[in-house]
Protein backbone atom coordinates (compact mmCIF):
# COMPACT_ATOMS: atom_id res chain seq x y z
CA MET A 1 27.08 -26.68 21.82
CA PRO A 2 23.85 -25.69 20.24
CA ARG A 3 22.03 -28.27 18.07
CA LYS A 4 22.23 -27.40 14.22
CA VAL A 5 18.75 -26.63 12.91
CA HIS A 6 17.95 -27.57 9.32
CA GLN A 7 16.87 -24.58 7.50
CA SER A 8 14.56 -24.32 4.25
CA SER A 9 13.62 -21.22 2.22
CA ILE A 10 10.17 -20.04 2.12
CA ARG A 11 10.11 -19.97 -1.84
CA LYS A 12 10.96 -23.82 -1.96
CA ALA A 13 8.70 -24.61 0.96
CA LEU A 14 5.79 -22.84 -0.64
CA ILE A 15 6.17 -24.36 -4.00
CA ASN A 16 6.59 -27.89 -2.53
CA LEU A 17 3.50 -27.35 -0.46
CA ILE A 18 1.39 -26.31 -3.36
CA MET A 19 2.49 -29.08 -5.46
CA LEU A 20 2.09 -31.63 -2.78
CA ILE A 21 -1.51 -30.52 -2.15
CA THR A 22 -2.25 -30.58 -5.81
CA ALA A 23 -0.63 -34.12 -6.30
CA ILE A 24 -2.54 -35.40 -3.31
CA CYS A 25 -5.88 -33.95 -4.54
CA LEU A 26 -5.09 -35.11 -8.20
CA SER A 27 -4.33 -38.68 -6.90
CA LEU A 28 -7.33 -38.82 -4.78
CA SER A 29 -9.74 -37.58 -7.53
CA ILE A 30 -8.15 -39.75 -10.37
CA SER A 31 -8.06 -42.93 -8.41
CA ILE A 32 -11.84 -42.41 -7.32
CA SER A 33 -12.73 -41.68 -10.91
CA THR A 34 -10.74 -44.59 -12.21
CA TYR A 35 -12.15 -47.07 -9.62
CA LEU A 36 -15.87 -45.87 -10.50
CA SER A 37 -15.19 -46.09 -14.23
CA VAL A 38 -13.75 -49.46 -14.03
CA LYS A 39 -16.51 -50.62 -11.87
CA GLU A 40 -19.09 -49.24 -14.35
CA GLN A 41 -17.22 -50.70 -17.34
CA LYS A 42 -17.06 -54.10 -15.62
CA GLN A 43 -20.75 -54.07 -14.89
CA LEU A 44 -21.37 -53.12 -18.57
CA ILE A 45 -19.44 -56.05 -19.71
CA VAL A 46 -21.34 -58.36 -17.53
CA SER A 47 -24.47 -56.81 -18.51
CA LYS A 48 -23.79 -57.48 -22.20
CA LEU A 49 -22.59 -61.11 -21.58
CA VAL A 50 -25.97 -61.59 -19.74
CA ILE A 51 -27.87 -60.32 -22.79
CA LEU A 52 -25.93 -62.39 -25.15
CA ALA A 53 -26.50 -65.49 -22.92
CA GLU A 54 -30.29 -64.81 -22.83
CA ILE A 55 -30.39 -64.50 -26.59
CA VAL A 56 -28.61 -67.78 -27.02
CA ALA A 57 -31.04 -69.55 -24.54
CA PHE A 58 -34.07 -67.91 -26.38
CA ASP A 59 -32.76 -69.09 -29.84
CA ALA A 60 -31.62 -72.60 -28.64
CA GLY A 61 -35.05 -73.43 -27.08
CA LYS A 62 -36.35 -75.10 -30.35
CA SER A 63 -33.27 -76.59 -31.42
CA VAL A 64 -32.67 -78.29 -28.00
CA PHE A 65 -36.28 -79.56 -27.85
CA GLU A 66 -36.03 -80.93 -31.46
CA ASP A 67 -32.52 -82.24 -30.91
CA ASP A 68 -31.23 -80.11 -33.81
CA ARG A 69 -27.57 -79.70 -33.35
CA GLU A 70 -26.69 -78.58 -36.75
CA THR A 71 -28.92 -75.54 -36.73
CA GLU A 72 -27.80 -74.42 -33.25
CA GLU A 73 -24.01 -75.08 -34.16
CA LYS A 74 -24.40 -72.65 -37.32
CA ARG A 75 -26.01 -70.00 -35.12
CA LEU A 76 -23.24 -70.17 -32.51
CA LYS A 77 -20.53 -69.61 -35.20
CA TYR A 78 -21.83 -65.97 -35.52
CA PHE A 79 -20.24 -65.34 -32.04
CA GLU A 80 -16.67 -65.64 -33.71
CA LYS A 81 -16.94 -61.93 -34.54
CA THR A 82 -17.75 -60.92 -31.05
CA PRO A 83 -14.47 -60.80 -29.08
CA LEU A 84 -16.37 -60.82 -25.80
CA VAL A 85 -17.43 -64.36 -26.03
CA LYS A 86 -14.84 -67.15 -25.65
CA ASN A 87 -16.78 -70.22 -24.78
CA ILE A 88 -20.43 -71.38 -24.99
CA HIS A 89 -21.94 -74.69 -23.78
CA VAL A 90 -25.59 -75.87 -24.52
CA TYR A 91 -26.88 -78.36 -22.15
CA SER A 92 -29.98 -80.43 -22.78
CA ILE A 93 -32.19 -81.91 -20.12
CA GLU A 94 -32.29 -85.76 -20.32
CA GLN A 95 -35.79 -87.12 -20.09
CA ALA A 96 -34.99 -90.13 -18.19
CA SER A 97 -32.79 -88.65 -15.43
CA GLN A 98 -33.79 -85.05 -15.70
CA LYS A 99 -29.89 -84.11 -15.50
CA PRO A 100 -28.28 -81.79 -17.82
CA VAL A 101 -26.22 -83.29 -20.60
CA PHE A 102 -23.93 -81.95 -23.27
CA PHE A 103 -25.67 -80.82 -26.27
CA ILE A 104 -23.29 -78.41 -28.34
CA SER A 105 -20.44 -75.95 -27.72
CA PHE A 106 -18.59 -73.00 -29.04
CA ASN A 107 -15.08 -71.90 -28.63
CA ALA A 108 -13.46 -68.80 -29.93
CA LYS A 109 -10.35 -68.90 -32.05
CA LYS A 110 -7.06 -69.46 -30.10
CA THR A 111 -9.36 -70.35 -27.08
CA PRO A 112 -8.98 -73.68 -25.53
CA PRO A 113 -12.30 -75.49 -24.51
CA VAL A 114 -13.31 -75.51 -20.92
CA PRO A 115 -14.62 -78.31 -18.96
CA LEU A 116 -18.41 -78.93 -18.76
CA ARG A 117 -20.05 -76.88 -15.94
CA THR A 118 -22.97 -79.28 -15.59
CA ASP A 119 -22.34 -79.46 -11.80
CA SER A 120 -22.08 -75.71 -11.24
CA ILE A 121 -25.63 -74.77 -12.72
CA GLU A 122 -27.02 -73.52 -9.58
CA GLU A 123 -23.65 -71.65 -8.53
CA LEU A 124 -23.46 -69.86 -11.92
CA LYS A 125 -26.96 -68.60 -12.21
CA THR A 126 -25.35 -65.55 -10.63
CA PRO A 127 -22.36 -64.29 -12.83
CA ARG A 128 -19.08 -65.27 -11.26
CA ILE A 129 -16.22 -62.61 -12.12
CA THR A 130 -12.64 -63.52 -11.76
CA ASN A 131 -9.57 -61.51 -12.83
CA GLU A 132 -9.63 -62.76 -16.33
CA ASP A 133 -13.10 -63.82 -17.31
CA ILE A 134 -16.81 -63.90 -16.55
CA GLU A 135 -18.71 -67.13 -16.34
CA LEU A 136 -22.63 -67.43 -16.14
CA ILE A 137 -25.42 -69.86 -17.00
CA LYS A 138 -29.11 -69.07 -18.30
CA PRO A 139 -31.85 -71.48 -18.59
CA ILE A 140 -33.41 -72.57 -21.78
CA PHE A 141 -37.21 -72.75 -22.11
CA HIS A 142 -39.45 -74.25 -24.94
CA ASN A 143 -43.11 -73.49 -24.52
CA GLU A 144 -42.35 -72.49 -20.91
CA LYS A 145 -40.76 -75.74 -20.12
CA LEU A 146 -37.24 -76.06 -19.04
CA VAL A 147 -35.38 -78.09 -21.93
CA GLY A 148 -31.63 -77.08 -21.04
CA HIS A 149 -29.07 -74.50 -19.98
CA VAL A 150 -26.56 -72.12 -21.88
CA TYR A 151 -23.04 -71.61 -20.20
CA MET A 152 -21.17 -68.74 -21.48
CA ARG A 153 -17.65 -67.43 -20.57
CA GLY A 154 -16.64 -64.05 -21.54
CA SER A 155 -13.30 -62.24 -21.69
CA LEU A 156 -12.21 -59.15 -19.65
CA GLU A 157 -9.60 -58.22 -22.22
CA SER A 158 -11.47 -55.13 -23.32
CA LEU A 159 -11.61 -53.95 -19.51
CA ASP A 160 -7.86 -54.30 -19.39
CA ASP A 161 -7.50 -52.31 -22.39
CA TYR A 162 -9.83 -49.67 -21.06
CA ILE A 163 -7.88 -49.56 -17.78
CA LYS A 164 -4.54 -48.92 -19.83
CA GLN A 165 -5.92 -46.24 -21.90
CA LYS A 166 -7.57 -44.68 -18.71
CA ILE A 167 -4.20 -44.50 -16.91
CA VAL A 168 -2.38 -43.04 -19.74
CA VAL A 169 -5.00 -40.33 -19.99
CA ASP A 170 -4.95 -39.73 -16.40
CA ILE A 171 -1.23 -39.64 -16.24
CA LEU A 172 -1.05 -37.06 -19.14
CA LEU A 173 -3.72 -34.97 -17.52
CA THR A 174 -1.86 -35.04 -14.24
CA LEU A 175 1.22 -33.84 -15.77
CA LEU A 176 -0.53 -31.03 -17.47
CA ILE A 177 -2.19 -29.89 -14.41
CA LEU A 178 1.10 -30.06 -12.35
CA VAL A 179 2.86 -27.94 -14.76
CA VAL A 180 0.17 -25.37 -14.88
CA VAL A 181 0.05 -25.44 -10.97
CA TYR A 182 3.89 -25.19 -10.75
CA PHE A 183 3.90 -21.96 -12.77
CA ILE A 184 0.94 -20.68 -10.41
CA ALA A 185 2.97 -21.55 -7.29
CA ILE A 186 5.96 -19.66 -8.65
CA ASN A 187 3.76 -16.57 -9.17
CA VAL A 188 2.30 -16.93 -5.67
CA GLN A 189 5.59 -17.44 -4.07
CA LYS A 190 7.04 -14.31 -5.74
CA ARG A 191 4.19 -12.32 -4.23
CA ILE A 192 4.85 -13.75 -0.66
CA ALA A 193 8.62 -14.31 -0.53
CA ARG A 194 9.77 -11.01 -2.06
CA PRO A 195 8.05 -8.78 0.53
CA ILE A 196 9.50 -11.15 3.23
CA GLU A 197 12.97 -10.93 1.80
CA ARG A 198 12.83 -7.08 1.85
CA LEU A 199 11.79 -7.33 5.38
CA SER A 200 14.69 -9.64 6.29
CA MET A 201 17.12 -7.26 4.78
CA LEU A 202 15.57 -4.39 6.53
CA LEU A 203 15.85 -6.21 9.90
CA GLN A 204 19.55 -7.14 8.98
CA ASP A 205 20.36 -3.48 8.51
CA VAL A 206 18.79 -2.36 11.72
CA SER A 207 20.65 -5.16 13.66
CA LYS A 208 24.00 -4.31 11.87
CA ASN A 209 24.10 -0.59 11.82
CA HIS A 210 21.32 0.25 14.68
CA ASN A 211 19.45 2.40 12.22
CA TYR A 212 16.16 2.50 13.83
CA ASP A 213 14.90 5.39 11.75
CA VAL A 214 13.99 3.07 8.77
CA ARG A 215 10.49 1.80 8.25
CA ALA A 216 9.12 -1.34 6.38
CA PRO A 217 7.13 -0.59 3.25
CA VAL A 218 3.31 -1.50 2.92
CA THR A 219 2.55 -4.36 0.19
CA ASP A 220 -0.48 -5.66 -1.49
CA VAL A 221 -0.53 -8.87 0.76
CA LYS A 222 -2.67 -8.15 3.70
CA GLU A 223 -0.69 -10.43 6.27
CA ILE A 224 2.55 -9.21 5.11
CA SER A 225 1.23 -5.47 5.33
CA ALA A 226 0.22 -6.34 9.05
CA LEU A 227 3.62 -7.77 9.79
CA SER A 228 5.17 -4.62 8.24
CA ASN A 229 3.07 -2.37 10.49
CA SER A 230 3.84 -4.24 13.60
CA LEU A 231 7.59 -4.05 12.76
CA ASN A 232 7.24 -0.37 12.21
CA ILE A 233 5.51 0.03 15.69
CA MET A 234 8.36 -2.02 17.29
CA LEU A 235 11.00 0.03 15.51
CA THR A 236 9.37 3.28 16.78
CA ARG A 237 9.11 2.04 20.31
CA THR A 238 12.61 0.65 20.26
CA GLN A 239 13.80 4.02 19.48
CA LYS A 240 11.89 5.82 21.95
CA GLN A 241 13.09 3.24 24.56
CA LEU A 242 16.60 3.87 23.60
CA THR A 243 16.10 7.44 24.00
CA ARG A 244 14.68 6.97 27.36
CA HIS A 245 17.48 4.31 28.23
CA GLU A 246 20.07 7.06 27.56
CA LYS A 247 18.40 9.54 29.80
CA ASP A 248 17.90 6.84 32.54
CA LYS A 249 21.73 6.15 32.22
CA GLU A 250 22.54 9.49 32.96
CA GLU A 251 20.28 9.71 36.05
CA ILE A 252 21.61 6.29 37.32
CA LYS A 253 25.17 7.47 36.93
CA GLN A 254 24.15 10.56 39.27
CA LEU A 255 22.23 8.23 41.50
CA ASN A 256 25.29 5.94 41.86
CA GLN A 257 27.44 8.72 42.96
CA GLY A 258 25.08 9.52 45.58
CA LEU A 259 24.62 5.98 46.59
CA GLU A 260 28.31 5.40 47.01
CA GLU A 261 28.56 8.23 49.55
CA LYS A 262 25.50 6.61 51.38
CA VAL A 263 27.04 3.25 51.32
CA ASN A 264 30.31 4.52 52.92
CA GLN A 265 28.24 6.24 55.59
CA ARG A 266 26.10 3.07 56.23
CA THR A 267 29.31 0.98 56.09
CA ILE A 268 30.87 2.90 58.99
CA ALA A 269 27.53 2.89 60.84
CA LEU A 270 27.26 -1.05 60.32
CA ARG A 271 30.98 -1.43 61.45
CA GLU A 272 30.12 0.29 64.65
CA ALA A 273 26.85 -1.68 65.17
CA ASN A 274 28.70 -4.81 64.65
CA GLN A 275 31.18 -4.00 67.25
CA GLU A 276 28.55 -3.12 69.64
CA LEU A 277 26.77 -6.49 68.76
CA LEU A 278 29.90 -8.48 69.45
CA SER A 279 30.30 -6.81 72.73
CA THR A 280 26.60 -7.70 73.59
CA LEU A 281 27.05 -11.27 72.50
CA GLU A 282 30.02 -11.55 74.73
CA ARG A 283 28.07 -10.08 77.56
CA MET A 284 25.15 -12.59 76.73
CA HIS A 285 27.62 -15.61 76.75
CA GLN A 286 28.73 -14.42 80.22
CA TYR A 287 25.24 -14.11 81.36
CA GLN A 288 24.39 -17.47 79.94
CA THR A 289 27.24 -19.07 81.63
CA GLN A 290 26.13 -17.29 85.09
CA ILE A 291 22.53 -18.51 84.39
CA VAL A 292 23.60 -22.18 83.77
CA GLU A 293 25.62 -21.98 86.95
CA ASN A 294 22.81 -20.38 88.97
CA GLU A 295 20.35 -23.31 87.65
CA LYS A 296 23.04 -25.78 88.85
CA MET A 297 23.25 -24.29 92.18
CA ALA A 298 19.40 -23.80 92.30
CA SER A 299 19.05 -27.53 91.47
CA LEU A 300 21.59 -28.50 94.06
CA GLY A 301 19.85 -26.23 96.58
CA GLN A 302 16.45 -27.73 95.99
CA MET A 303 18.07 -31.28 96.38
CA VAL A 304 19.84 -30.12 99.51
CA ALA A 305 16.63 -28.68 100.69
CA GLY A 306 14.73 -31.85 99.96
CA VAL A 307 17.34 -34.01 101.78
CA ALA A 308 17.58 -31.49 104.80
CA HIS A 309 13.73 -31.43 104.96
CA GLU A 310 13.23 -35.23 104.67
CA VAL A 311 16.19 -36.09 107.19
CA ASN A 312 15.49 -33.24 109.54
CA THR A 313 11.99 -34.49 110.45
CA PRO A 314 12.85 -37.98 111.88
CA ILE A 315 16.10 -36.60 113.45
CA GLY A 316 14.29 -33.60 115.03
CA LEU A 317 11.73 -36.15 116.40
CA GLY A 318 14.60 -38.26 117.74
CA ILE A 319 16.27 -35.37 119.38
CA THR A 320 12.97 -34.10 120.90
CA SER A 321 12.28 -37.57 122.31
CA SER A 322 15.89 -37.96 123.71
CA THR A 323 15.93 -34.61 125.33
CA LEU A 324 12.61 -35.33 126.84
CA LEU A 325 13.91 -38.60 128.11
CA ARG A 326 16.94 -37.10 129.47
CA ASP A 327 14.95 -34.44 131.39
CA LYS A 328 12.88 -37.22 133.00
CA LEU A 329 16.05 -39.17 133.75
CA ALA A 330 17.44 -35.94 135.58
CA ASP A 331 14.17 -35.74 137.48
CA LEU A 332 14.25 -39.27 138.58
CA GLN A 333 17.84 -38.72 139.57
CA ILE A 334 16.98 -35.78 141.74
CA SER A 335 14.19 -37.94 143.41
CA PHE A 336 16.68 -40.93 143.84
CA ASP A 337 19.33 -38.75 145.48
CA ASP A 338 16.69 -37.25 147.78
CA LYS A 339 15.46 -40.64 148.67
CA LYS A 340 11.97 -39.54 147.36
CA LEU A 341 11.83 -41.88 144.52
CA THR A 342 8.48 -43.86 144.55
CA SER A 343 7.37 -46.92 142.62
CA ASN A 344 4.78 -44.86 140.53
CA GLN A 345 7.44 -42.34 139.53
CA LEU A 346 9.69 -45.31 138.35
CA LYS A 347 6.81 -46.80 136.60
CA ARG A 348 5.77 -43.68 134.80
CA PHE A 349 9.55 -43.15 133.88
CA ILE A 350 9.75 -46.67 132.45
CA ASP A 351 6.59 -46.24 130.50
CA ASP A 352 7.53 -42.88 129.08
CA GLY A 353 11.13 -44.21 128.44
CA ILE A 354 9.83 -47.15 126.48
CA GLU A 355 7.49 -44.67 124.48
CA ASN A 356 10.26 -42.18 123.80
CA LEU A 357 12.86 -44.98 122.81
CA ASP A 358 10.23 -46.49 120.38
CA LEU A 359 9.83 -43.04 118.80
CA ILE A 360 13.61 -42.51 118.68
CA TYR A 361 14.05 -45.95 117.18
CA ARG A 362 11.24 -45.47 114.49
CA ASN A 363 12.70 -42.06 113.29
CA LEU A 364 16.29 -43.13 113.29
CA ASN A 365 15.05 -45.95 111.06
CA ARG A 366 13.31 -43.67 108.94
CA ALA A 367 16.37 -41.52 108.52
CA ALA A 368 18.44 -44.67 107.75
CA ASP A 369 15.67 -45.53 105.08
CA LEU A 370 15.91 -42.02 103.55
CA ILE A 371 19.85 -42.19 103.37
CA SER A 372 19.75 -45.47 101.78
CA THR A 373 17.44 -44.07 99.17
CA PHE A 374 19.40 -41.17 98.51
CA LYS A 375 22.50 -43.35 98.05
CA LYS A 376 20.42 -45.32 95.47
CA VAL A 377 19.31 -42.24 93.61
CA ALA A 378 22.92 -41.02 93.43
CA VAL A 379 24.69 -44.31 92.29
CA ILE A 380 22.90 -46.99 90.55
CA GLN A 381 24.72 -50.32 91.04
CA ASP A 382 25.33 -52.17 87.81
CA ASP A 383 26.37 -55.45 88.98
CA ASP A 384 23.12 -57.19 88.18
CA VAL A 385 23.64 -60.11 85.81
CA THR A 386 22.06 -60.14 82.38
CA THR A 387 19.82 -63.31 82.00
CA TYR A 388 16.80 -64.32 79.94
CA ILE A 389 13.64 -63.09 81.59
CA ASN A 390 9.97 -64.22 80.91
CA ILE A 391 8.23 -60.79 81.03
CA HIS A 392 4.74 -62.17 81.81
CA LYS A 393 6.32 -64.42 84.75
CA LEU A 394 8.13 -61.29 86.05
CA ILE A 395 4.95 -59.15 86.19
CA THR A 396 3.17 -61.88 87.79
CA ASP A 397 5.91 -62.40 90.39
CA VAL A 398 5.95 -58.70 91.10
CA LEU A 399 2.14 -58.60 91.83
CA THR A 400 2.49 -61.62 94.23
CA SER A 401 5.32 -60.08 96.07
CA ILE A 402 3.18 -56.78 96.89
CA SER A 403 -0.23 -58.56 97.15
CA SER A 404 -0.58 -57.12 100.67
CA GLU A 405 -0.12 -53.50 99.44
CA LEU A 406 -2.62 -54.25 96.50
CA GLU A 407 -5.15 -55.71 98.86
CA GLU A 408 -6.02 -52.15 100.31
CA LYS A 409 -7.04 -50.51 96.93
CA LYS A 410 -8.02 -53.75 95.22
CA PRO A 411 -7.18 -52.71 91.54
CA VAL A 412 -8.16 -54.86 88.56
CA ILE A 413 -4.85 -55.72 86.76
CA ASN A 414 -4.82 -56.38 83.12
CA ILE A 415 -1.67 -57.85 81.47
CA ASN A 416 -1.59 -57.73 77.73
CA CYS A 417 1.55 -59.87 77.26
CA ALA A 418 2.47 -63.10 75.47
CA THR A 419 2.87 -65.62 78.23
CA ASP A 420 6.12 -66.97 76.29
CA LEU A 421 7.74 -63.46 75.59
CA THR A 422 11.38 -63.89 76.75
CA VAL A 423 14.06 -61.13 76.63
CA GLU A 424 17.64 -60.82 77.64
CA SER A 425 17.74 -58.11 80.32
CA LYS A 426 18.36 -57.50 84.06
CA SER A 427 15.69 -58.64 86.31
CA GLU A 428 16.38 -56.85 89.62
CA PRO A 429 16.13 -53.26 88.10
CA LEU A 430 13.18 -54.13 85.97
CA GLN A 431 11.48 -55.64 89.13
CA GLN A 432 12.20 -52.37 91.20
CA VAL A 433 10.75 -50.16 88.34
CA LEU A 434 7.54 -52.17 88.14
CA ILE A 435 7.29 -52.16 91.94
CA GLN A 436 7.69 -48.51 92.29
CA LEU A 437 5.25 -47.72 89.47
CA ILE A 438 2.67 -49.77 91.16
CA THR A 439 3.48 -48.20 94.40
CA ASN A 440 3.19 -44.81 92.96
CA SER A 441 -0.38 -45.57 91.67
CA LEU A 442 -1.48 -46.98 94.97
CA LEU A 443 -0.26 -44.08 96.98
CA HIS A 444 -0.81 -41.08 94.77
CA GLY A 445 -3.32 -42.22 91.72
CA PHE A 446 -6.12 -44.18 93.51
CA VAL A 447 -8.31 -42.38 95.92
CA GLY A 448 -10.88 -44.92 96.93
CA ASN A 449 -10.85 -48.72 96.83
CA GLU A 450 -13.38 -49.16 93.92
CA ASN A 451 -13.08 -49.24 90.02
CA ASN A 452 -9.29 -49.04 90.16
CA GLU A 453 -7.46 -50.40 87.23
CA ILE A 454 -3.90 -51.11 86.22
CA GLN A 455 -2.73 -52.23 82.80
CA PHE A 456 0.48 -53.56 81.38
CA ASP A 457 0.89 -53.55 77.57
CA VAL A 458 4.15 -55.35 76.50
CA GLU A 459 5.44 -55.84 72.95
CA LEU A 460 8.62 -56.93 71.41
CA THR A 461 9.51 -55.35 68.00
CA GLY A 462 12.93 -56.83 66.86
CA LYS A 463 15.10 -56.61 70.02
CA LYS A 464 13.33 -53.41 71.34
CA LEU A 465 11.11 -54.17 74.29
CA THR A 466 8.22 -51.61 75.07
CA ILE A 467 6.28 -51.73 78.29
CA ILE A 468 3.33 -49.47 78.63
CA TYR A 469 2.09 -49.01 82.22
CA SER A 470 -1.14 -47.15 82.86
CA ASP A 471 -3.75 -46.53 85.59
CA ASN A 472 -7.01 -44.92 85.73
CA GLY A 473 -6.40 -42.82 88.90
CA GLN A 474 -6.49 -39.10 89.27
CA GLY A 475 -3.37 -38.75 87.38
CA VAL A 476 -0.34 -36.51 87.81
CA ASP A 477 -0.68 -32.86 88.90
CA LYS A 478 -0.24 -30.52 85.85
CA LYS A 479 2.27 -28.39 87.93
CA ILE A 480 4.65 -31.32 88.34
CA LYS A 481 3.90 -33.39 85.16
CA HIS A 482 6.88 -32.08 83.26
CA ARG A 483 9.23 -32.56 86.29
CA ILE A 484 7.94 -36.00 87.37
CA PHE A 485 11.54 -37.44 87.09
CA ASP A 486 13.44 -34.83 88.70
CA PRO A 487 14.38 -35.47 92.54
CA PHE A 488 12.13 -34.43 95.31
CA VAL A 489 9.35 -33.68 93.22
CA THR A 490 6.04 -34.79 94.83
CA SER A 491 2.43 -33.62 95.15
CA LYS A 492 2.42 -34.88 98.87
CA ARG A 493 5.23 -33.05 100.49
CA GLY A 494 4.84 -33.53 104.26
CA GLN A 495 2.54 -36.47 103.94
CA GLY A 496 5.36 -39.14 103.94
CA ALA A 497 6.47 -38.84 100.27
CA SER A 498 10.11 -38.03 99.59
CA GLY A 499 9.72 -37.30 95.71
CA LEU A 500 12.60 -39.79 94.96
CA GLY A 501 10.36 -42.68 93.58
CA MET A 502 10.08 -41.68 89.94
CA HIS A 503 13.58 -40.24 89.84
CA LEU A 504 14.77 -43.75 91.13
CA VAL A 505 12.60 -45.22 88.38
CA TYR A 506 14.21 -42.88 85.78
CA ASN A 507 17.81 -43.88 86.85
CA LEU A 508 17.08 -47.43 86.82
CA VAL A 509 15.54 -47.47 83.26
CA THR A 510 18.26 -45.16 81.78
CA GLN A 511 21.10 -46.34 83.60
CA ALA A 512 20.81 -49.87 84.71
CA LEU A 513 18.60 -50.98 81.83
CA GLY A 514 20.11 -48.48 79.15
CA GLY A 515 16.56 -47.64 77.93
CA HIS A 516 14.13 -44.70 77.98
CA ILE A 517 11.09 -43.78 79.88
CA LEU A 518 8.40 -41.12 79.04
CA ILE A 519 5.16 -39.96 80.40
CA ASP A 520 2.31 -39.49 78.40
CA LEU A 521 1.52 -35.84 78.62
CA GLU A 522 -1.76 -36.13 76.55
CA LYS A 523 -3.43 -38.67 78.73
CA LYS A 524 -6.28 -36.63 80.60
CA ARG A 525 -7.36 -39.54 83.17
CA GLY A 526 -4.89 -41.55 85.03
CA ALA A 527 -1.17 -41.89 84.22
CA ARG A 528 0.68 -43.60 81.43
CA PHE A 529 4.37 -44.28 81.19
CA ILE A 530 6.16 -45.71 78.23
CA ILE A 531 9.35 -47.71 78.87
CA THR A 532 11.57 -48.81 75.97
CA ILE A 533 14.39 -51.18 76.72
CA PRO A 534 16.99 -52.09 73.76
């Protein structure tokens, strides 16, 4: 619901504004005038009292010196006709003590006496003005010798009368000015309000009857004439706009009819396109499913190829050695049957047999190890018991267990881990992860045996353990960096590396330990792995 706005007429507002401004100006001018007049009148009264006190002091000089109280008392009685003076004290200077003492006094009619002011002579040398009276003291000299003092107290009743008269005159003058200004304001508001009312009635007619042919008249007020001209321009433009609007409506009507036909045609085309798009999407889903299956088969084929390549080499060598041994045994059998077997033949057969059997044994062991590794990759045993592990001690124990492998590359190992950092986890999978990472650095990362470094950064945040393993070796090849955790991914294919180490690490961290492992793709030198275990 819109808020109700208080409205007021321009007539009333204009009159009120003029009267308010006039009243404020009158109040300020009268207040300042009254203040200055009262100040001047008060100063005049003080000056009169000072003059009277100096006259009394001048006349009393001889009387005080000669101790003639009677003469001075007669002189002071003349002040009964001076309403300004209320009390007069004359003090003489005592010869022995040089202190002022009472000599004679005067009190106006109906005015009570005031206490002696002998203790306030220095203070009252400057006139003291209060709300009701003025007090001052003047010295009395005789032959240029101080013989006494005159104390005089004057009344401010005349000032009060002056202020009352001033206020009455100011009020009458203010009322007269306000009446005159009121009639002037009425005349001004008529000149301004009436043209505005005519403009308002004209606008009401335009709004109600939509009569845009009318025009506002020109007045003798410049601003209202400007408003009338602006209103006339607006009415002219509105009339032209309405004419143009009617013309545009007719054109839009014709365009809408043509647009409806185009929309119908486009709708039919769009329906056909949507049907074709649905068919395309269906084919894309089929292709997508086929691509996923192809990727699975390709991954499986890659894994099978890796397994076949890794297992085929030791088995092939074993078959070759056993075939060679069988051929030599057949030759030996023929020589034995022909009774031509010599000791040298037998000795050579025994030596070749031992060598071939050793080769078969080594390759069969190699195949058995590969099969064992494949089984570990395929299925991670989760029967390891969760215990409290001191991480620093675990890393130290791992380094001790593979000290013989570390001896060849001689890396400097830095362990940034608190010695008392203990977490609840599985120790066996974590050991295997650390051993595999170190082995990877020794086998793939370090080229020589100088300036090699391995660093462990361990931090426990809440219950989350973060282990950052890094080395300064030659790093991971860019071609396999994004696939480092895939099975059979290695940069040393055919050089004894199976490509299952980092895949085993990934499975141990994610399945056995329930954590995450990432490789730092931004590290330019060496390798950096971030392991997070909850």
